[in-house]
Amino acid sequence: MAEKYGGATTLNELTMLNYGFVCNAKDIDICVTQASLDLSMPKSSVSRILTGMRAKGYVTESTHPFDKRRRIFKLADEYLKRGDEDIKKLLRWLADPKNTLV
């Protein structure tokens, strides 16, 4: 989507951001294995998406306190603050009949 329509956020990142907002609302961490199961995506894809999102500042990464092999991701506080506005912009764009995804 980003390649075709411009912008810096890919469709996979939007999917992961939505998942992150759900996890945040439920006060649970994002981990690669669980996100892979919940989103029916390969773990390697989830890991690649989250790593890219970390580089863009969308998520933060830490190590699980008990299982040091496990990475934990959370939506970055800064993104949580501006995420609502990004979603509103996207919805306005989608509502405009001259904009299409096909």
Protein backbone atom coordinates (compact mmCIF):
# COMPACT_ATOMS: atom_id res chain seq x y z
CA MET A 1 0.00 0.00 0.00
CA ALA A 2 2.76 2.44 0.91
CA GLU A 3 4.56 1.67 -2.33
CA LYS A 4 1.43 2.20 -4.46
CA TYR A 5 -0.23 5.11 -2.65
CA GLY A 6 2.70 6.82 -0.95
CA GLY A 7 3.27 7.32 2.72
CA ALA A 8 5.57 5.63 5.15
CA THR A 9 3.23 3.08 6.71
CA THR A 10 2.60 -0.28 5.04
CA LEU A 11 -0.62 -2.27 5.19
CA ASN A 12 1.11 -4.88 7.38
CA GLU A 13 2.18 -2.10 9.75
CA LEU A 14 -1.40 -0.80 9.90
CA THR A 15 -2.54 -4.32 10.76
CA MET A 16 0.09 -4.55 13.48
CA LEU A 17 -0.77 -1.08 14.81
CA ASN A 18 -4.41 -2.10 15.09
CA TYR A 19 -3.32 -5.24 16.93
CA GLY A 20 -1.14 -3.06 19.16
CA PHE A 21 -4.08 -0.80 20.04
CA VAL A 22 -6.13 -3.88 20.98
CA CYS A 23 -3.27 -5.22 23.13
CA ASN A 24 -2.86 -1.81 24.76
CA ALA A 25 -6.58 -1.63 25.57
CA LYS A 26 -6.37 -5.09 27.17
CA ASP A 27 -3.11 -4.16 28.93
CA ILE A 28 -1.20 -7.08 27.41
CA ASP A 29 2.21 -7.16 25.76
CA ILE A 30 2.80 -7.84 22.08
CA CYS A 31 4.99 -10.88 21.53
CA VAL A 32 5.93 -12.33 18.17
CA THR A 33 4.53 -15.82 18.76
CA GLN A 34 1.13 -14.68 20.03
CA ALA A 35 0.79 -12.00 17.35
CA SER A 36 1.64 -14.63 14.73
CA LEU A 37 -1.14 -16.89 16.01
CA ASP A 38 -3.68 -14.09 16.45
CA LEU A 39 -3.04 -12.54 13.02
CA SER A 40 -2.43 -15.81 11.12
CA MET A 41 0.92 -14.53 9.89
CA PRO A 42 4.31 -16.28 9.84
CA LYS A 43 6.48 -15.48 12.87
CA SER A 44 9.26 -14.27 10.59
CA SER A 45 6.89 -11.71 9.03
CA VAL A 46 5.64 -10.52 12.42
CA SER A 47 9.21 -10.16 13.66
CA ARG A 48 10.25 -8.23 10.53
CA ILE A 49 7.22 -5.92 10.77
CA LEU A 50 7.77 -5.20 14.48
CA THR A 51 11.49 -4.60 13.96
CA GLY A 52 10.70 -2.12 11.20
CA MET A 53 8.09 -0.43 13.37
CA ARG A 54 10.63 -0.12 16.16
CA ALA A 55 13.00 1.65 13.76
CA LYS A 56 10.18 4.08 12.87
CA GLY A 57 9.42 4.72 16.54
CA TYR A 58 5.96 3.09 16.54
CA VAL A 59 6.85 0.45 19.14
CA THR A 60 9.36 -0.11 21.90
CA GLU A 61 11.11 -3.41 22.51
CA SER A 62 12.22 -5.06 25.72
CA THR A 63 13.18 -8.51 26.92
CA HIS A 64 10.71 -10.64 28.84
CA PRO A 65 11.66 -10.52 32.54
CA PHE A 66 11.61 -14.31 32.99
CA ASP A 67 12.23 -15.71 29.51
CA LYS A 68 15.22 -13.73 28.23
CA ARG A 69 14.82 -15.20 24.72
CA ARG A 70 11.39 -13.62 24.30
CA ARG A 71 11.01 -10.09 22.94
CA ILE A 72 8.18 -7.90 24.20
CA PHE A 73 6.82 -5.00 22.15
CA LYS A 74 4.51 -2.16 23.18
CA LEU A 75 3.16 0.78 21.25
CA ALA A 76 5.42 3.73 22.00
CA ASP A 77 3.86 6.35 24.29
CA GLU A 78 4.47 9.03 21.68
CA TYR A 79 2.66 6.96 19.05
CA LEU A 80 -0.26 6.22 21.36
CA LYS A 81 -0.74 9.99 21.69
CA ARG A 82 -0.68 10.67 17.96
CA GLY A 83 -2.20 7.36 16.82
CA ASP A 84 -5.78 8.57 17.20
CA GLU A 85 -5.10 11.46 14.82
CA ASP A 86 -3.45 9.12 12.29
CA ILE A 87 -6.51 6.85 12.39
CA LYS A 88 -8.83 9.84 11.88
CA LYS A 89 -6.77 10.94 8.86
CA LEU A 90 -6.95 7.44 7.39
CA LEU A 91 -10.71 7.25 7.90
CA ARG A 92 -11.19 10.67 6.24
CA TRP A 93 -9.09 9.49 3.30
CA LEU A 94 -11.07 6.24 3.00
CA ALA A 95 -14.37 8.14 3.17
CA ASP A 96 -13.45 10.34 0.20
CA PRO A 97 -15.01 8.71 -2.89
CA LYS A 98 -12.18 9.85 -5.17
CA ASN A 99 -9.67 7.72 -3.18
CA THR A 100 -9.62 4.01 -3.99
CA LEU A 101 -7.46 1.10 -2.92
CA VAL A 102 -7.78 -0.74 -6.24
